[in-house]
Amino acid sequence: MTSRKQPGYTPNFGKTYNRYLMRWRIPWRLLSMYERRRRYEQAKRANQHVFRIAHVTSYAVFSTRQSAWDKYQPMPSRASLGRRMPPLFGSSERTHILAILWLTGPITVRELARARRVDAAGTFHTVDRLIRAGLVVKSAVGRRHIGLNYAHSARHALGTLLSALVRHYDVRFPRIMRYRATLPTKSLAADSPPVEDHVFGSAVRSQLIMLLGVVGSADSRQLCRLLGQNYASTAYALKALERDQVLRSQRVGIRRVYVLSDGYPGGLEYRRYVSSVARALPRYNALSKAIEVVTKRYR
């Protein structure tokens, strides 16, 4: 498995049941070096503050014990692994949740967490961020089902993007889930907040992505001047987006110009969706009309 900073595909569904530990766990052999070090740091903090764990002494001892536990745990089958999606909406988990909701229709959060083989508490927090972004709605009464917000201004472009992600990344869902065409009760779509600051992650990341969707290409100082943001926070967000392969850059003279990347499956649909979201907001609609005066388009 590749490391976190290297491009490549890693499993989405990596948890299987360990008979020795009596819990669901990702096998040690599937983890990258970064993820192994993070698991060791988490166990060490738990040993210092909450629990007394006998095997948390050094990284070598911890690694040997983790490898020994793998023999009590089956490796996940290749059909259930899938591939990690690019963090188009702030993280790979949010992108994967949106693709599942497009595939299945409205479901409960616990069904979603059970299908992804992750903790329900973390899924609740991720779904809450998607609801604040206006991409997902929750039923008002009765059993709380969540589904895609079909009152979204760019719902057609979002559907095209999610269809491409489901097709290219082989998103699967258990057969025990039932398909529901619509939410069973009145949704909260009319009360959804503006999506400008949350739809693609943080506020700075979302503004940068939407501005590049309107402008096409610009350097860091032009983006900072157009958004009215601090240069340090803008440069940090640009580096993070380029590391996640959402943006790509190239040298033009003494400047580094950024554009939306299209080097992954669904990249063209993502650019169309970003442009649709930005055109629906008055701020970026005004910027698109005056952009010839403020910035210069690079070829």
Protein backbone atom coordinates (compact mmCIF):
# COMPACT_ATOMS: atom_id res chain seq x y z
CA MET A 1 0.00 0.00 0.00
CA THR A 2 1.25 3.45 -0.86
CA SER A 3 1.97 6.14 1.71
CA ARG A 4 -0.24 9.12 2.34
CA LYS A 5 1.71 11.64 0.28
CA GLN A 6 2.18 9.41 -2.74
CA PRO A 7 -0.50 9.18 -5.43
CA GLY A 8 -2.35 5.93 -5.69
CA TYR A 9 -5.40 4.06 -4.51
CA THR A 10 -5.92 2.67 -1.03
CA PRO A 11 -8.80 0.60 0.40
CA ASN A 12 -11.99 2.31 1.56
CA PHE A 13 -13.30 -0.80 3.33
CA GLY A 14 -10.37 -2.25 5.24
CA LYS A 15 -11.98 -3.34 8.52
CA THR A 16 -12.59 -6.99 9.31
CA TYR A 17 -13.47 -8.72 12.59
CA ASN A 18 -10.55 -9.81 14.77
CA ARG A 19 -11.33 -12.96 16.77
CA TYR A 20 -8.62 -12.29 19.38
CA LEU A 21 -9.49 -8.66 20.09
CA MET A 22 -13.24 -9.21 19.57
CA ARG A 23 -13.64 -6.03 17.56
CA TRP A 24 -13.47 -4.61 14.06
CA ARG A 25 -9.98 -3.57 13.03
CA ILE A 26 -7.92 -2.66 9.97
CA PRO A 27 -5.11 -5.22 9.55
CA TRP A 28 -1.61 -3.98 10.22
CA ARG A 29 -0.45 -5.16 6.78
CA LEU A 30 -2.89 -2.78 5.03
CA LEU A 31 -1.65 0.35 6.79
CA SER A 32 0.92 2.73 5.38
CA MET A 33 3.90 3.90 7.42
CA TYR A 34 2.08 7.12 8.30
CA GLU A 35 -1.04 5.24 9.45
CA ARG A 36 1.05 2.77 11.48
CA ARG A 37 2.85 5.61 13.24
CA ARG A 38 -0.47 7.33 13.92
CA ARG A 39 -1.95 4.17 15.45
CA TYR A 40 1.11 3.85 17.68
CA GLU A 41 0.85 7.49 18.81
CA GLN A 42 -2.84 7.05 19.63
CA ALA A 43 -2.14 3.92 21.68
CA LYS A 44 0.70 5.67 23.51
CA ARG A 45 -1.53 8.62 24.43
CA ALA A 46 -4.22 6.24 25.66
CA ASN A 47 -1.61 4.41 27.75
CA GLN A 48 -0.46 7.65 29.37
CA HIS A 49 -3.84 9.26 30.09
CA VAL A 50 -6.70 6.75 30.03
CA PHE A 51 -5.77 3.05 29.88
CA ARG A 52 -2.75 1.05 30.98
CA ILE A 53 -1.74 -1.02 27.94
CA ALA A 54 1.06 -3.52 28.52
CA HIS A 55 2.38 -3.79 24.96
CA VAL A 56 2.79 -0.04 24.33
CA THR A 57 6.48 0.35 25.14
CA SER A 58 8.40 0.97 21.93
CA TYR A 59 7.38 1.12 18.29
CA ALA A 60 9.20 -2.15 17.49
CA VAL A 61 7.34 -4.07 20.20
CA PHE A 62 4.05 -2.47 19.20
CA SER A 63 4.60 -3.36 15.53
CA THR A 64 5.44 -6.98 16.36
CA ARG A 65 2.30 -7.35 18.47
CA GLN A 66 0.11 -5.77 15.81
CA SER A 67 1.51 -8.10 13.15
CA ALA A 68 0.85 -11.12 15.39
CA TRP A 69 -2.79 -10.12 15.78
CA ASP A 70 -3.30 -10.21 12.02
CA LYS A 71 -3.37 -14.03 12.03
CA TYR A 72 -6.66 -13.87 14.00
CA GLN A 73 -8.20 -11.63 11.37
CA PRO A 74 -9.14 -12.36 7.73
CA MET A 75 -7.93 -10.05 5.03
CA PRO A 76 -10.73 -8.13 3.29
CA SER A 77 -11.66 -9.42 -0.12
CA ARG A 78 -10.72 -7.37 -3.17
CA ALA A 79 -14.38 -6.98 -4.14
CA SER A 80 -15.12 -5.13 -0.89
CA LEU A 81 -12.12 -2.82 -0.92
CA GLY A 82 -12.94 -0.15 -3.46
CA ARG A 83 -10.56 2.74 -4.05
CA ARG A 84 -10.03 5.92 -2.11
CA MET A 85 -11.68 8.87 -3.80
CA PRO A 86 -9.98 12.24 -4.17
CA PRO A 87 -10.96 14.79 -1.47
CA LEU A 88 -13.18 16.82 -3.80
CA PHE A 89 -15.52 17.99 -1.03
CA GLY A 90 -12.94 18.55 1.70
CA SER A 91 -12.07 14.90 2.44
CA SER A 92 -12.28 11.47 0.84
CA GLU A 93 -14.88 10.41 3.42
CA ARG A 94 -17.30 13.18 2.41
CA THR A 95 -16.90 12.36 -1.26
CA HIS A 96 -17.52 8.67 -0.58
CA ILE A 97 -20.64 9.41 1.49
CA LEU A 98 -22.11 11.55 -1.28
CA ALA A 99 -21.43 8.79 -3.82
CA ILE A 100 -23.18 6.22 -1.60
CA LEU A 101 -26.21 8.49 -1.10
CA TRP A 102 -26.42 8.99 -4.86
CA LEU A 103 -26.31 5.22 -5.34
CA THR A 104 -28.83 4.21 -2.65
CA GLY A 105 -31.14 7.14 -1.99
CA PRO A 106 -32.03 8.29 1.55
CA ILE A 107 -30.82 6.00 4.35
CA THR A 108 -30.10 6.39 8.06
CA VAL A 109 -26.72 7.42 9.39
CA ARG A 110 -26.25 4.08 11.14
CA GLU A 111 -26.92 2.20 7.91
CA LEU A 112 -24.37 4.43 6.21
CA ALA A 113 -21.76 3.79 8.91
CA ARG A 114 -22.47 0.05 8.84
CA ALA A 115 -22.01 -0.06 5.08
CA ARG A 116 -18.71 1.87 5.26
CA ARG A 117 -17.52 -0.22 8.25
CA VAL A 118 -16.62 2.86 10.27
CA ASP A 119 -17.65 4.30 13.61
CA ALA A 120 -21.14 5.82 13.71
CA ALA A 121 -20.00 8.84 15.78
CA GLY A 122 -17.49 9.95 13.15
CA THR A 123 -20.10 9.43 10.43
CA PHE A 124 -22.52 11.68 12.34
CA HIS A 125 -19.94 14.48 12.41
CA THR A 126 -19.13 14.09 8.70
CA VAL A 127 -22.81 14.08 7.75
CA ASP A 128 -23.39 17.17 9.90
CA ARG A 129 -20.73 19.05 7.91
CA LEU A 130 -22.38 17.97 4.66
CA ILE A 131 -25.74 19.22 5.97
CA ARG A 132 -24.20 22.60 6.82
CA ALA A 133 -22.76 22.71 3.32
CA GLY A 134 -26.22 22.26 1.84
CA LEU A 135 -25.32 19.04 0.02
CA VAL A 136 -27.27 16.66 2.30
CA VAL A 137 -30.65 17.08 4.03
CA LYS A 138 -32.22 15.21 6.94
CA SER A 139 -35.86 14.34 7.43
CA ALA A 140 -37.64 16.62 9.89
CA VAL A 141 -39.76 14.08 11.81
CA GLY A 142 -39.95 10.35 12.28
CA ARG A 143 -36.94 8.16 11.68
CA ARG A 144 -34.12 10.44 10.61
CA HIS A 145 -33.12 9.59 7.06
CA ILE A 146 -30.48 11.54 5.17
CA GLY A 147 -30.31 12.07 1.44
CA LEU A 148 -28.92 14.36 -1.21
CA ASN A 149 -30.33 17.87 -1.39
CA TYR A 150 -32.24 17.88 -4.67
CA ALA A 151 -33.11 21.56 -4.14
CA HIS A 152 -29.43 22.41 -4.65
CA SER A 153 -28.80 24.99 -7.36
CA ALA A 154 -26.23 22.74 -9.09
CA ARG A 155 -28.00 19.40 -8.55
CA HIS A 156 -27.73 18.35 -12.19
CA ALA A 157 -23.96 18.90 -12.30
CA LEU A 158 -23.63 17.18 -8.90
CA GLY A 159 -25.53 14.16 -10.18
CA THR A 160 -23.27 13.92 -13.22
CA LEU A 161 -20.18 14.11 -11.01
CA LEU A 162 -21.38 11.48 -8.55
CA SER A 163 -22.39 9.15 -11.39
CA ALA A 164 -18.85 9.38 -12.78
CA LEU A 165 -17.34 8.69 -9.34
CA VAL A 166 -19.61 5.68 -8.75
CA ARG A 167 -18.68 4.27 -12.15
CA HIS A 168 -14.92 4.84 -12.00
CA TYR A 169 -14.30 4.02 -8.32
CA ASP A 170 -16.57 0.97 -8.16
CA VAL A 171 -18.73 2.10 -5.22
CA ARG A 172 -20.61 -0.86 -3.73
CA PHE A 173 -23.40 -1.20 -1.23
CA PRO A 174 -24.74 -4.23 0.69
CA ARG A 175 -27.85 -5.91 -0.65
CA ILE A 176 -29.61 -5.71 2.70
CA MET A 177 -30.16 -1.97 2.32
CA ARG A 178 -33.45 -0.81 0.86
CA TYR A 179 -33.63 1.83 -1.84
CA ARG A 180 -35.86 4.82 -1.09
CA ALA A 181 -36.57 7.17 -3.97
CA THR A 182 -37.20 10.26 -1.83
CA LEU A 183 -37.16 11.32 1.80
CA PRO A 184 -40.22 9.94 3.61
CA THR A 185 -41.06 13.30 5.22
CA LYS A 186 -40.62 16.98 4.45
CA SER A 187 -36.92 17.78 4.24
CA LEU A 188 -35.04 20.82 5.51
CA ALA A 189 -33.81 21.77 2.05
CA ALA A 190 -35.44 25.20 2.18
CA ASP A 191 -33.57 26.04 5.41
CA SER A 192 -30.14 24.96 4.13
CA PRO A 193 -27.38 27.55 4.83
CA PRO A 194 -25.29 29.11 2.05
CA VAL A 195 -22.74 26.66 0.68
CA GLU A 196 -19.94 29.14 -0.02
CA ASP A 197 -17.88 28.48 3.12
CA HIS A 198 -18.44 24.74 3.59
CA VAL A 199 -19.10 22.92 0.34
CA PHE A 200 -15.44 22.10 -0.46
CA GLY A 201 -14.06 21.91 3.07
CA SER A 202 -12.92 25.02 4.95
CA ALA A 203 -13.89 28.56 3.98
CA VAL A 204 -10.56 29.38 2.31
CA ARG A 205 -10.45 26.11 0.38
CA SER A 206 -14.02 26.55 -0.84
CA GLN A 207 -13.44 30.13 -1.95
CA LEU A 208 -10.24 29.22 -3.79
CA ILE A 209 -11.84 26.32 -5.65
CA MET A 210 -14.91 28.33 -6.67
CA LEU A 211 -12.84 31.31 -7.75
CA LEU A 212 -10.62 29.11 -9.92
CA GLY A 213 -13.78 27.56 -11.36
CA VAL A 214 -14.80 31.05 -12.54
CA VAL A 215 -11.39 32.52 -13.39
CA GLY A 216 -9.80 29.43 -14.88
CA SER A 217 -6.21 30.14 -13.78
CA ALA A 218 -4.46 32.63 -11.49
CA ASP A 219 -1.43 32.84 -9.22
CA SER A 220 -1.47 33.00 -5.43
CA ARG A 221 -1.25 36.78 -5.13
CA GLN A 222 -4.06 37.33 -7.61
CA LEU A 223 -6.24 34.87 -5.74
CA CYS A 224 -5.41 36.53 -2.43
CA ARG A 225 -6.22 39.97 -3.83
CA LEU A 226 -9.53 38.86 -5.35
CA LEU A 227 -10.74 37.06 -2.22
CA GLY A 228 -9.45 39.65 0.25
CA GLN A 229 -7.78 36.92 2.32
CA ASN A 230 -4.48 36.79 4.18
CA TYR A 231 -1.63 35.67 1.91
CA ALA A 232 -0.27 33.13 4.40
CA SER A 233 -3.61 31.31 4.78
CA THR A 234 -4.16 31.42 1.01
CA ALA A 235 -0.72 29.97 0.25
CA TYR A 236 -1.18 27.22 2.87
CA ALA A 237 -4.58 26.25 1.43
CA LEU A 238 -3.17 26.19 -2.11
CA LYS A 239 -0.36 23.83 -1.08
CA ALA A 240 -2.84 21.55 0.69
CA LEU A 241 -5.13 21.45 -2.36
CA GLU A 242 -2.20 20.70 -4.65
CA ARG A 243 -1.04 17.93 -2.32
CA ASP A 244 -4.55 16.43 -2.46
CA GLN A 245 -4.39 16.66 -6.29
CA VAL A 246 -7.47 18.88 -6.45
CA LEU A 247 -5.35 21.68 -7.98
CA ARG A 248 -2.26 21.61 -10.14
CA SER A 249 0.26 24.38 -10.76
CA GLN A 250 2.89 25.34 -13.31
CA ARG A 251 5.62 27.94 -13.55
CA VAL A 252 4.90 30.96 -15.78
CA GLY A 253 7.88 33.30 -15.52
CA ILE A 254 8.42 34.14 -11.87
CA ARG A 255 4.86 33.18 -10.88
CA ARG A 256 3.21 29.87 -10.12
CA VAL A 257 -0.20 29.60 -11.73
CA TYR A 258 -2.91 27.32 -10.28
CA VAL A 259 -5.76 25.60 -12.13
CA LEU A 260 -8.28 22.90 -11.24
CA SER A 261 -6.80 19.48 -11.83
CA ASP A 262 -8.40 17.00 -14.22
CA GLY A 263 -5.91 14.14 -13.91
CA TYR A 264 -8.26 11.76 -12.07
CA PRO A 265 -11.55 10.04 -13.06
CA GLY A 266 -14.39 12.55 -12.85
CA GLY A 267 -12.11 15.59 -13.11
CA LEU A 268 -14.01 17.15 -16.01
CA GLU A 269 -17.36 16.68 -14.25
CA TYR A 270 -15.89 18.22 -11.09
CA ARG A 271 -14.82 21.35 -12.98
CA ARG A 272 -18.31 21.70 -14.40
CA TYR A 273 -19.85 21.30 -10.96
CA VAL A 274 -17.54 23.90 -9.41
CA SER A 275 -18.39 26.34 -12.20
CA SER A 276 -22.13 25.72 -11.68
CA VAL A 277 -21.88 26.37 -7.93
CA ALA A 278 -19.79 29.53 -8.41
CA ARG A 279 -22.11 30.96 -11.07
CA ALA A 280 -25.08 30.57 -8.73
CA LEU A 281 -23.50 32.82 -6.06
CA PRO A 282 -23.75 36.62 -6.57
CA ARG A 283 -20.20 37.27 -5.38
CA TYR A 284 -18.54 35.03 -7.94
CA ASN A 285 -21.01 36.02 -10.63
CA ALA A 286 -19.85 39.63 -10.22
CA LEU A 287 -16.21 38.53 -10.23
CA SER A 288 -16.69 36.66 -13.49
CA LYS A 289 -17.90 39.85 -15.20
CA ALA A 290 -14.99 42.00 -13.98
CA ILE A 291 -12.27 39.38 -14.16
CA GLU A 292 -10.67 40.76 -17.34
CA VAL A 293 -9.65 43.89 -15.44
CA VAL A 294 -8.35 42.18 -12.30
CA THR A 295 -6.50 39.10 -13.55
CA LYS A 296 -4.79 37.74 -16.65
CA ARG A 297 -5.56 34.37 -18.16
CA TYR A 298 -2.49 32.24 -18.84
CA ARG A 299 -2.26 29.79 -21.72
